């Protein structure tokens, strides 16, 4: 989900063109990974996660994005309003992909791994 959203943000920032963005999204989708997951519909939770990342990373978001394709850079600033707006636009974009952007076996337990939340509950 983050790789696809990062590609969208890179396109929005002008680091990759629309063709390159769709190329990235197609590769993710062809690998049956998630472009979109319903957890992303909770914009408040996504924002809180971003705030936690900023605190952990010394005041910068440092979100890795393609800049340009084949190279990487970082997005250091994304306001809450921008994030919430961009999530909605990105969700609509994902609807045009197979499975409406959803992955196949997209949860750890789907492939026989332990649910990462189980460790938090056990504490």
C-alpha atoms as a PDB file:
ATOM      1  CA  UNK A   1       0.000   0.000   0.000  1.00  0.00           C
ATOM      2  CA  UNK A   2       2.750   2.440   0.885  1.00  0.00           C
ATOM      3  CA  UNK A   3       4.791   1.781  -2.249  1.00  0.00           C
ATOM      4  CA  UNK A   4       1.814   2.563  -4.455  1.00  0.00           C
ATOM      5  CA  UNK A   5       0.794   5.633  -2.480  1.00  0.00           C
ATOM      6  CA  UNK A   6       4.424   6.787  -2.580  1.00  0.00           C
ATOM      7  CA  UNK A   7       4.422   6.461  -6.368  1.00  0.00           C
ATOM      8  CA  UNK A   8       1.250   8.564  -6.499  1.00  0.00           C
ATOM      9  CA  UNK A   9       2.826  11.210  -4.232  1.00  0.00           C
ATOM     10  CA  UNK A  10       5.983  11.204  -6.374  1.00  0.00           C
ATOM     11  CA  UNK A  11       3.842  11.838  -9.449  1.00  0.00           C
ATOM     12  CA  UNK A  12       1.940  14.606  -7.673  1.00  0.00           C
ATOM     13  CA  UNK A  13       5.256  16.235  -6.708  1.00  0.00           C
ATOM     14  CA  UNK A  14       6.492  16.004 -10.310  1.00  0.00           C
ATOM     15  CA  UNK A  15       9.251  13.455  -9.661  1.00  0.00           C
ATOM     16  CA  UNK A  16       7.759  10.798 -11.960  1.00  0.00           C
ATOM     17  CA  UNK A  17       5.382  11.296 -14.851  1.00  0.00           C
ATOM     18  CA  UNK A  18       1.955   9.678 -15.081  1.00  0.00           C
ATOM     19  CA  UNK A  19       3.211   6.814 -17.267  1.00  0.00           C
ATOM     20  CA  UNK A  20       5.949   5.957 -14.770  1.00  0.00           C
ATOM     21  CA  UNK A  21       3.482   6.120 -11.869  1.00  0.00           C
ATOM     22  CA  UNK A  22       1.136   3.695 -13.609  1.00  0.00           C
ATOM     23  CA  UNK A  23       4.092   1.446 -14.458  1.00  0.00           C
ATOM     24  CA  UNK A  24       4.951   1.221 -10.755  1.00  0.00           C
ATOM     25  CA  UNK A  25       1.322   0.609  -9.784  1.00  0.00           C
ATOM     26  CA  UNK A  26       0.979  -2.096 -12.451  1.00  0.00           C
ATOM     27  CA  UNK A  27       4.069  -3.945 -11.185  1.00  0.00           C
ATOM     28  CA  UNK A  28       2.731  -3.867  -7.627  1.00  0.00           C
ATOM     29  CA  UNK A  29      -0.678  -5.086  -8.802  1.00  0.00           C
ATOM     30  CA  UNK A  30       0.814  -7.764 -11.090  1.00  0.00           C
ATOM     31  CA  UNK A  31       2.714  -9.111  -8.062  1.00  0.00           C
ATOM     32  CA  UNK A  32      -0.698  -9.375  -6.349  1.00  0.00           C
ATOM     33  CA  UNK A  33       0.370  -6.914  -3.654  1.00  0.00           C
ATOM     34  CA  UNK A  34      -1.962  -4.266  -2.255  1.00  0.00           C
ATOM     35  CA  UNK A  35      -2.235  -0.892  -3.853  1.00  0.00           C
ATOM     36  CA  UNK A  36      -5.134  -0.105  -1.554  1.00  0.00           C
ATOM     37  CA  UNK A  37      -6.326  -1.606   1.714  1.00  0.00           C
ATOM     38  CA  UNK A  38      -9.425  -0.584   3.698  1.00  0.00           C
ATOM     39  CA  UNK A  39      -7.190   0.435   6.624  1.00  0.00           C
ATOM     40  CA  UNK A  40      -6.239   3.428   4.452  1.00  0.00           C
ATOM     41  CA  UNK A  41      -9.844   4.644   4.628  1.00  0.00           C
ATOM     42  CA  UNK A  42      -9.205   5.727   8.225  1.00  0.00           C
ATOM     43  CA  UNK A  43      -7.466   8.991   7.413  1.00  0.00           C
ATOM     44  CA  UNK A  44      -7.115   9.820  11.104  1.00  0.00           C
ATOM     45  CA  UNK A  45      -5.154   6.632  11.749  1.00  0.00           C
ATOM     46  CA  UNK A  46      -2.953   7.234   8.697  1.00  0.00           C
ATOM     47  CA  UNK A  47      -2.287  10.786   9.912  1.00  0.00           C
ATOM     48  CA  UNK A  48      -1.418   9.581  13.436  1.00  0.00           C
ATOM     49  CA  UNK A  49       1.008   7.068  11.915  1.00  0.00           C
ATOM     50  CA  UNK A  50       2.618   9.844   9.910  1.00  0.00           C
ATOM     51  CA  UNK A  51       2.967  12.021  13.015  1.00  0.00           C
ATOM     52  CA  UNK A  52       4.619   9.100  14.847  1.00  0.00           C
ATOM     53  CA  UNK A  53       7.060   8.632  11.940  1.00  0.00           C
ATOM     54  CA  UNK A  54       7.930  12.337  11.985  1.00  0.00           C
ATOM     55  CA  UNK A  55       8.632  12.192  15.723  1.00  0.00           C
ATOM     56  CA  UNK A  56      10.776   9.079  15.282  1.00  0.00           C
ATOM     57  CA  UNK A  57      12.714  10.630  12.384  1.00  0.00           C
ATOM     58  CA  UNK A  58      13.815  13.845  14.041  1.00  0.00           C
ATOM     59  CA  UNK A  59      11.061  16.107  12.745  1.00  0.00           C
ATOM     60  CA  UNK A  60      11.024  14.954   9.113  1.00  0.00           C
ATOM     61  CA  UNK A  61       8.602  12.585   7.432  1.00  0.00           C
ATOM     62  CA  UNK A  62      11.401  11.043   5.317  1.00  0.00           C
ATOM     63  CA  UNK A  63       8.903   9.027   3.255  1.00  0.00           C
ATOM     64  CA  UNK A  64      10.851   7.251   0.486  1.00  0.00           C
ATOM     65  CA  UNK A  65       9.522   7.908  -3.014  1.00  0.00           C
ATOM     66  CA  UNK A  66      10.857   7.348  -6.537  1.00  0.00           C
ATOM     67  CA  UNK A  67      12.665  10.470  -7.669  1.00  0.00           C
ATOM     68  CA  UNK A  68      12.835   9.748 -10.678  1.00  0.00           C
ATOM     69  CA  UNK A  69      12.057   6.114 -11.500  1.00  0.00           C
ATOM     70  CA  UNK A  70      15.108   4.005 -10.637  1.00  0.00           C
ATOM     71  CA  UNK A  71      16.324   6.468  -8.021  1.00  0.00           C
ATOM     72  CA  UNK A  72      14.957   7.390  -4.640  1.00  0.00           C
ATOM     73  CA  UNK A  73      14.354  10.498  -2.659  1.00  0.00           C
ATOM     74  CA  UNK A  74      12.303  11.539   0.296  1.00  0.00           C
ATOM     75  CA  UNK A  75       9.110  13.425   0.881  1.00  0.00           C
ATOM     76  CA  UNK A  76       9.636  15.446   4.050  1.00  0.00           C
ATOM     77  CA  UNK A  77       6.386  17.341   4.397  1.00  0.00           C
ATOM     78  CA  UNK A  78       2.740  16.446   3.866  1.00  0.00           C
ATOM     79  CA  UNK A  79       0.027  18.314   5.725  1.00  0.00           C
ATOM     80  CA  UNK A  80      -2.956  16.536   7.212  1.00  0.00           C
ATOM     81  CA  UNK A  81      -5.293  18.206   4.712  1.00  0.00           C
ATOM     82  CA  UNK A  82      -3.081  17.149   1.782  1.00  0.00           C
ATOM     83  CA  UNK A  83      -2.778  13.609   3.115  1.00  0.00           C
ATOM     84  CA  UNK A  84      -6.537  13.173   3.516  1.00  0.00           C
ATOM     85  CA  UNK A  85      -7.239  14.632   0.076  1.00  0.00           C
ATOM     86  CA  UNK A  86      -4.519  12.553  -1.567  1.00  0.00           C
ATOM     87  CA  UNK A  87      -5.756   9.334   0.057  1.00  0.00           C
ATOM     88  CA  UNK A  88      -9.198   9.867  -1.500  1.00  0.00           C
ATOM     89  CA  UNK A  89      -7.760  10.611  -4.936  1.00  0.00           C
ATOM     90  CA  UNK A  90      -5.431   7.612  -4.688  1.00  0.00           C
ATOM     91  CA  UNK A  91      -8.297   5.332  -3.657  1.00  0.00           C
ATOM     92  CA  UNK A  92     -10.258   6.325  -6.776  1.00  0.00           C
ATOM     93  CA  UNK A  93      -7.149   5.707  -8.888  1.00  0.00           C
ATOM     94  CA  UNK A  94      -6.752   2.210  -7.416  1.00  0.00           C
ATOM     95  CA  UNK A  95     -10.299   1.239  -8.383  1.00  0.00           C
ATOM     96  CA  UNK A  96      -9.187   0.923 -12.021  1.00  0.00           C
ATOM     97  CA  UNK A  97      -6.688  -1.827 -11.152  1.00  0.00           C
ATOM     98  CA  UNK A  98      -7.464  -5.553 -10.814  1.00  0.00           C
ATOM     99  CA  UNK A  99      -9.272  -6.401  -7.573  1.00  0.00           C
ATOM    100  CA  UNK A 100      -9.857  -2.647  -7.188  1.00  0.00           C
ATOM    101  CA  UNK A 101      -6.268  -2.370  -5.973  1.00  0.00           C
ATOM    102  CA  UNK A 102      -6.571  -5.056  -3.324  1.00  0.00           C
ATOM    103  CA  UNK A 103      -3.877  -7.684  -2.966  1.00  0.00           C
ATOM    104  CA  UNK A 104      -4.107 -11.454  -2.903  1.00  0.00           C
ATOM    105  CA  UNK A 105      -3.309 -13.057   0.448  1.00  0.00           C
ATOM    106  CA  UNK A 106      -2.706  -9.571   1.758  1.00  0.00           C
ATOM    107  CA  UNK A 107      -2.468 -10.430   5.447  1.00  0.00           C
ATOM    108  CA  UNK A 108       0.332 -12.317   7.196  1.00  0.00           C
ATOM    109  CA  UNK A 109      -2.082 -14.995   8.404  1.00  0.00           C
ATOM    110  CA  UNK A 110      -3.194 -15.605   4.787  1.00  0.00           C
ATOM    111  CA  UNK A 111       0.238 -17.062   4.036  1.00  0.00           C
ATOM    112  CA  UNK A 112       0.717 -18.956   7.294  1.00  0.00           C
ATOM    113  CA  UNK A 113       2.611 -16.322   9.282  1.00  0.00           C
ATOM    114  CA  UNK A 114       1.737 -15.105  12.758  1.00  0.00           C
ATOM    115  CA  UNK A 115      -0.535 -12.078  12.972  1.00  0.00           C
ATOM    116  CA  UNK A 116       1.765  -9.157  13.968  1.00  0.00           C
ATOM    117  CA  UNK A 117      -0.995  -7.867  16.258  1.00  0.00           C
ATOM    118  CA  UNK A 118      -0.797 -11.090  18.295  1.00  0.00           C
ATOM    119  CA  UNK A 119       2.444  -9.880  19.900  1.00  0.00           C
ATOM    120  CA  UNK A 120       0.785  -6.667  21.066  1.00  0.00           C
ATOM    121  CA  UNK A 121      -2.180  -8.543  22.536  1.00  0.00           C
ATOM    122  CA  UNK A 122       0.100 -11.018  24.345  1.00  0.00           C
ATOM    123  CA  UNK A 123       1.909  -8.242  26.289  1.00  0.00           C
END
